[in-house]
Amino acid sequence: MKKIAIIAAMEQELSAIKNKFTKIEEKTLRDLKYYVGRLNDKEVILIRSGIGKVNAARITQMLIDKFDLDYIINIGTAGATNENLEIGDIVIGENLVQHDFDTTAFGDEKGYITGTGKIFKSDMALISKYKSYVEQNIKKCNVIIGTIASGDIFCTEQWMKEKIRSKFNADCVEMEGAAIAQICKLNNIPFIVIRSISDKPNGKNHIDFNEFIEMASKRCADIIWECERN
């Protein structure tokens, strides 16, 4: 039986997928709750990491240490940096980058991390699987395969959005995905990061985020659920 882990940062993001299971078992990993359910031929582990790169990296390594995982899925919401994306649209992260990692003083590119590089790539087989599913089934929103930028900042300013878009060709910005990607790369674990747009950085997008987080979380969870059970 395959074993996969689904990581979400916030309770709303986790609940959107957890509530789809008819039977689910709550367990504890150190001081953290996680949930185990079955989906056809897969055992699915669900866990909330908390917000930010350190929390995300911690949870990812804990899961890898405890379980023999086939792959990891990181789901959740994000702010659009690509002007063609609207609230509720989906970004499948082929490329993940940490926009706030900066050793340019030593001649490195912005985002370059010694020992791992600048870009972390999701597993191509998983991208192909999700791409095939969304092309055949998703009509109600735009779904793109692109670049997700992560950093320990909730991006609200227009200038910051434009800078991240320009520097990394990022389609959206969030706070966990590239850290999960880095840990997966270091452990040779396949992964994919999928985000639903909850806001567009404009100086007041924290209001939009609070309004649309549940809708965006549900849309992301719907795609994961349907794709993983087929």
Protein backbone atom coordinates (compact mmCIF):
# COMPACT_ATOMS: atom_id res chain seq x y z
CA MET A 1 0.00 0.00 0.00
CA LYS A 2 1.29 3.43 -0.91
CA LYS A 3 1.79 5.91 1.89
CA ILE A 4 1.54 9.64 1.24
CA ALA A 5 1.59 12.72 3.46
CA ILE A 6 -0.43 15.87 2.90
CA ILE A 7 0.86 18.97 4.68
CA ALA A 8 -1.11 22.19 5.14
CA ALA A 9 -0.06 25.23 7.13
CA MET A 10 -3.41 26.39 8.52
CA GLU A 11 -6.43 24.70 10.05
CA GLN A 12 -8.78 25.84 7.27
CA GLU A 13 -6.46 24.37 4.65
CA LEU A 14 -6.16 21.05 6.49
CA SER A 15 -9.86 20.74 7.33
CA ALA A 16 -10.84 21.16 3.69
CA ILE A 17 -9.22 17.82 2.88
CA LYS A 18 -9.67 16.11 6.27
CA ASN A 19 -13.45 16.55 6.12
CA LYS A 20 -13.64 14.50 2.94
CA PHE A 21 -12.69 11.29 4.75
CA THR A 22 -15.57 9.28 6.23
CA LYS A 23 -13.20 7.43 8.54
CA ILE A 24 -10.10 9.02 9.94
CA GLU A 25 -7.95 8.27 12.95
CA GLU A 26 -6.33 10.95 15.10
CA LYS A 27 -2.81 10.26 16.35
CA THR A 28 0.05 12.17 17.95
CA LEU A 29 3.57 12.81 16.72
CA ARG A 30 5.51 14.34 19.59
CA ASP A 31 3.38 17.36 20.52
CA LEU A 32 1.43 17.46 17.24
CA LYS A 33 -1.83 15.92 16.11
CA TYR A 34 -1.98 14.17 12.78
CA TYR A 35 -4.64 12.12 11.03
CA VAL A 36 -4.56 8.85 9.13
CA GLY A 37 -7.14 7.84 6.54
CA ARG A 38 -7.45 5.46 3.60
CA LEU A 39 -8.04 6.45 0.00
CA ASN A 40 -8.29 3.43 -2.29
CA ASP A 41 -4.79 1.91 -2.34
CA LYS A 42 -3.20 4.69 -0.30
CA GLU A 43 -2.70 5.38 3.38
CA VAL A 44 -2.95 9.15 3.72
CA ILE A 45 -1.33 11.08 6.55
CA LEU A 46 -2.66 14.60 7.13
CA ILE A 47 -0.89 17.16 9.28
CA ARG A 48 -0.90 20.90 9.96
CA SER A 49 2.59 22.37 9.98
CA GLY A 50 1.89 25.88 11.18
CA ILE A 51 2.81 28.98 9.22
CA GLY A 52 6.29 29.69 7.88
CA LYS A 53 9.31 27.93 6.45
CA VAL A 54 10.80 26.66 9.71
CA ASN A 55 7.53 25.08 10.85
CA ALA A 56 7.05 23.52 7.42
CA ALA A 57 10.60 22.14 7.29
CA ARG A 58 10.32 20.74 10.82
CA ILE A 59 7.11 18.84 10.06
CA THR A 60 8.42 17.53 6.75
CA GLN A 61 11.55 16.07 8.32
CA MET A 62 9.54 14.56 11.19
CA LEU A 63 7.22 12.82 8.73
CA ILE A 64 10.12 11.51 6.65
CA ASP A 65 11.87 10.20 9.78
CA LYS A 66 8.75 8.40 11.05
CA PHE A 67 7.11 7.07 7.88
CA ASP A 68 8.25 5.31 4.73
CA LEU A 69 6.58 7.81 2.38
CA ASP A 70 6.06 7.40 -1.33
CA TYR A 71 5.58 11.14 -1.76
CA ILE A 72 4.51 14.36 -0.06
CA ILE A 73 1.84 16.83 -1.16
CA ASN A 74 1.82 20.37 0.17
CA ILE A 75 -1.52 22.10 -0.23
CA GLY A 76 -2.91 25.47 0.72
CA THR A 77 -3.50 29.03 -0.38
CA ALA A 78 -1.31 31.72 -1.92
CA GLY A 79 -1.26 35.31 -3.13
CA ALA A 80 -1.17 35.83 -6.90
CA THR A 81 1.87 37.54 -8.39
CA ASN A 82 0.83 36.61 -11.94
CA GLU A 83 -1.74 39.21 -13.04
CA ASN A 84 -3.60 36.60 -15.07
CA LEU A 85 -4.56 34.66 -11.95
CA GLU A 86 -7.79 35.34 -10.08
CA ILE A 87 -9.02 34.27 -6.66
CA GLY A 88 -9.82 30.57 -6.73
CA ASP A 89 -7.38 29.75 -9.53
CA ILE A 90 -4.87 26.93 -9.03
CA VAL A 91 -1.08 26.88 -9.35
CA ILE A 92 0.70 23.54 -9.58
CA GLY A 93 4.25 24.31 -8.56
CA GLU A 94 6.71 22.84 -11.02
CA ASN A 95 9.39 25.16 -9.59
CA LEU A 96 9.76 26.26 -5.97
CA VAL A 97 12.05 29.06 -4.82
CA GLN A 98 12.74 30.85 -1.53
CA HIS A 99 12.43 34.52 -2.45
CA ASP A 100 13.77 35.78 0.88
CA PHE A 101 17.00 33.74 0.89
CA ASP A 102 19.77 36.20 0.15
CA THR A 103 23.51 35.59 0.01
CA THR A 104 24.05 38.00 -2.87
CA ALA A 105 26.79 39.68 -0.81
CA PHE A 106 28.92 36.62 -1.63
CA GLY A 107 28.13 36.70 -5.34
CA ASP A 108 25.21 34.27 -5.31
CA GLU A 109 21.92 34.77 -7.11
CA LYS A 110 18.99 35.82 -4.96
CA GLY A 111 17.31 32.65 -3.74
CA TYR A 112 20.39 30.47 -4.22
CA ILE A 113 20.95 28.09 -1.27
CA THR A 114 24.40 26.56 -0.86
CA GLY A 115 24.27 22.81 -1.34
CA THR A 116 20.78 22.68 -2.85
CA GLY A 117 20.65 25.45 -5.45
CA LYS A 118 18.01 28.01 -6.32
CA ILE A 119 15.12 26.02 -7.80
CA PHE A 120 13.46 22.95 -6.30
CA LYS A 121 11.43 20.94 -8.80
CA SER A 122 8.31 18.95 -8.03
CA ASP A 123 8.26 15.33 -9.13
CA MET A 124 7.58 15.19 -12.87
CA ALA A 125 5.40 12.08 -12.62
CA LEU A 126 3.16 13.84 -10.08
CA ILE A 127 3.01 16.98 -12.22
CA SER A 128 2.03 14.87 -15.23
CA LYS A 129 -0.66 13.09 -13.21
CA TYR A 130 -2.20 16.34 -11.95
CA LYS A 131 -1.84 18.07 -15.32
CA SER A 132 -3.72 15.23 -17.02
CA TYR A 133 -6.47 15.31 -14.41
CA VAL A 134 -7.07 19.07 -14.47
CA GLU A 135 -7.02 19.28 -18.26
CA GLN A 136 -9.78 16.70 -18.45
CA ASN A 137 -11.88 17.72 -15.45
CA ILE A 138 -11.37 21.30 -14.27
CA LYS A 139 -13.51 23.89 -16.06
CA LYS A 140 -14.57 26.29 -13.31
CA CYS A 141 -11.17 27.87 -12.69
CA ASN A 142 -7.82 28.52 -14.34
CA VAL A 143 -5.11 25.97 -13.53
CA ILE A 144 -1.49 26.61 -14.45
CA ILE A 145 1.82 24.83 -13.95
CA GLY A 146 4.35 27.41 -12.82
CA THR A 147 6.62 28.83 -10.15
CA ILE A 148 5.74 29.25 -6.48
CA ALA A 149 7.85 31.59 -4.34
CA SER A 150 8.06 31.06 -0.57
CA GLY A 151 9.25 33.39 2.17
CA ASP A 152 8.62 34.24 5.81
CA ILE A 153 6.56 37.28 4.84
CA PHE A 154 2.84 37.63 4.19
CA CYS A 155 3.17 39.68 1.03
CA THR A 156 0.86 42.69 1.02
CA GLU A 157 2.74 45.40 -0.86
CA GLN A 158 2.39 45.89 -4.62
CA TRP A 159 6.09 46.67 -5.01
CA MET A 160 7.06 43.44 -3.26
CA LYS A 161 4.72 41.41 -5.44
CA GLU A 162 6.20 42.99 -8.57
CA LYS A 163 9.76 42.41 -7.34
CA ILE A 164 9.12 38.71 -6.64
CA ARG A 165 7.39 38.30 -9.99
CA SER A 166 10.24 40.02 -11.83
CA LYS A 167 13.09 38.30 -10.01
CA PHE A 168 11.77 34.74 -10.01
CA ASN A 169 9.00 34.73 -12.65
CA ALA A 170 6.79 33.60 -9.79
CA ASP A 171 3.09 32.99 -10.31
CA CYS A 172 2.19 33.14 -6.62
CA VAL A 173 3.73 33.73 -3.24
CA GLU A 174 3.25 31.89 0.06
CA MET A 175 5.20 30.87 3.17
CA GLU A 176 5.95 27.12 3.20
CA GLY A 177 6.20 25.29 -0.13
CA ALA A 178 9.87 25.79 -1.02
CA ALA A 179 10.98 24.82 2.50
CA ILE A 180 9.08 21.53 2.18
CA ALA A 181 10.63 21.14 -1.26
CA GLN A 182 14.14 21.67 0.13
CA ILE A 183 13.70 19.00 2.82
CA CYS A 184 12.23 16.57 0.30
CA LYS A 185 15.17 17.13 -2.04
CA LEU A 186 17.68 16.54 0.74
CA ASN A 187 15.91 13.26 1.59
CA ASN A 188 15.19 12.17 -2.01
CA ILE A 189 11.43 12.13 -1.41
CA PRO A 190 9.14 12.98 -4.37
CA PHE A 191 6.85 15.94 -3.73
CA ILE A 192 4.38 18.31 -5.31
CA VAL A 193 3.12 21.71 -4.12
CA ILE A 194 -0.36 22.88 -5.11
CA ARG A 195 -1.83 26.26 -4.23
CA SER A 196 -5.21 27.95 -4.67
CA ILE A 197 -5.24 31.73 -4.98
CA SER A 198 -6.83 33.41 -1.95
CA ASP A 199 -5.71 37.01 -2.53
CA LYS A 200 -3.76 39.41 -4.76
CA PRO A 201 -1.18 41.57 -2.93
CA ASN A 202 -2.47 45.14 -3.11
CA GLY A 203 -1.97 46.68 0.32
CA LYS A 204 -5.24 45.32 1.71
CA ASN A 205 -5.17 41.71 0.57
CA HIS A 206 -5.14 40.45 4.17
CA ILE A 207 -8.86 41.30 4.09
CA ASP A 208 -9.35 39.25 0.92
CA PHE A 209 -7.33 36.40 2.43
CA ASN A 210 -9.64 36.15 5.44
CA GLU A 211 -12.68 36.31 3.18
CA PHE A 212 -11.60 33.73 0.63
CA ILE A 213 -9.35 31.29 2.52
CA GLU A 214 -12.09 28.70 3.02
CA MET A 215 -13.22 28.80 -0.62
CA ALA A 216 -9.64 28.61 -1.90
CA SER A 217 -8.79 25.79 0.52
CA LYS A 218 -11.82 23.78 -0.57
CA ARG A 219 -10.99 24.20 -4.24
CA CYS A 220 -7.44 22.98 -3.68
CA ALA A 221 -8.67 20.06 -1.57
CA ASP A 222 -11.22 19.05 -4.23
CA ILE A 223 -8.49 18.65 -6.83
CA ILE A 224 -6.23 16.67 -4.49
CA TRP A 225 -9.06 14.36 -3.43
CA GLU A 226 -10.29 13.60 -6.92
CA CYS A 227 -6.85 13.18 -8.42
CA GLU A 228 -5.48 10.95 -5.65
CA ARG A 229 -8.43 8.58 -5.66
CA ASN A 230 -8.25 8.00 -9.42
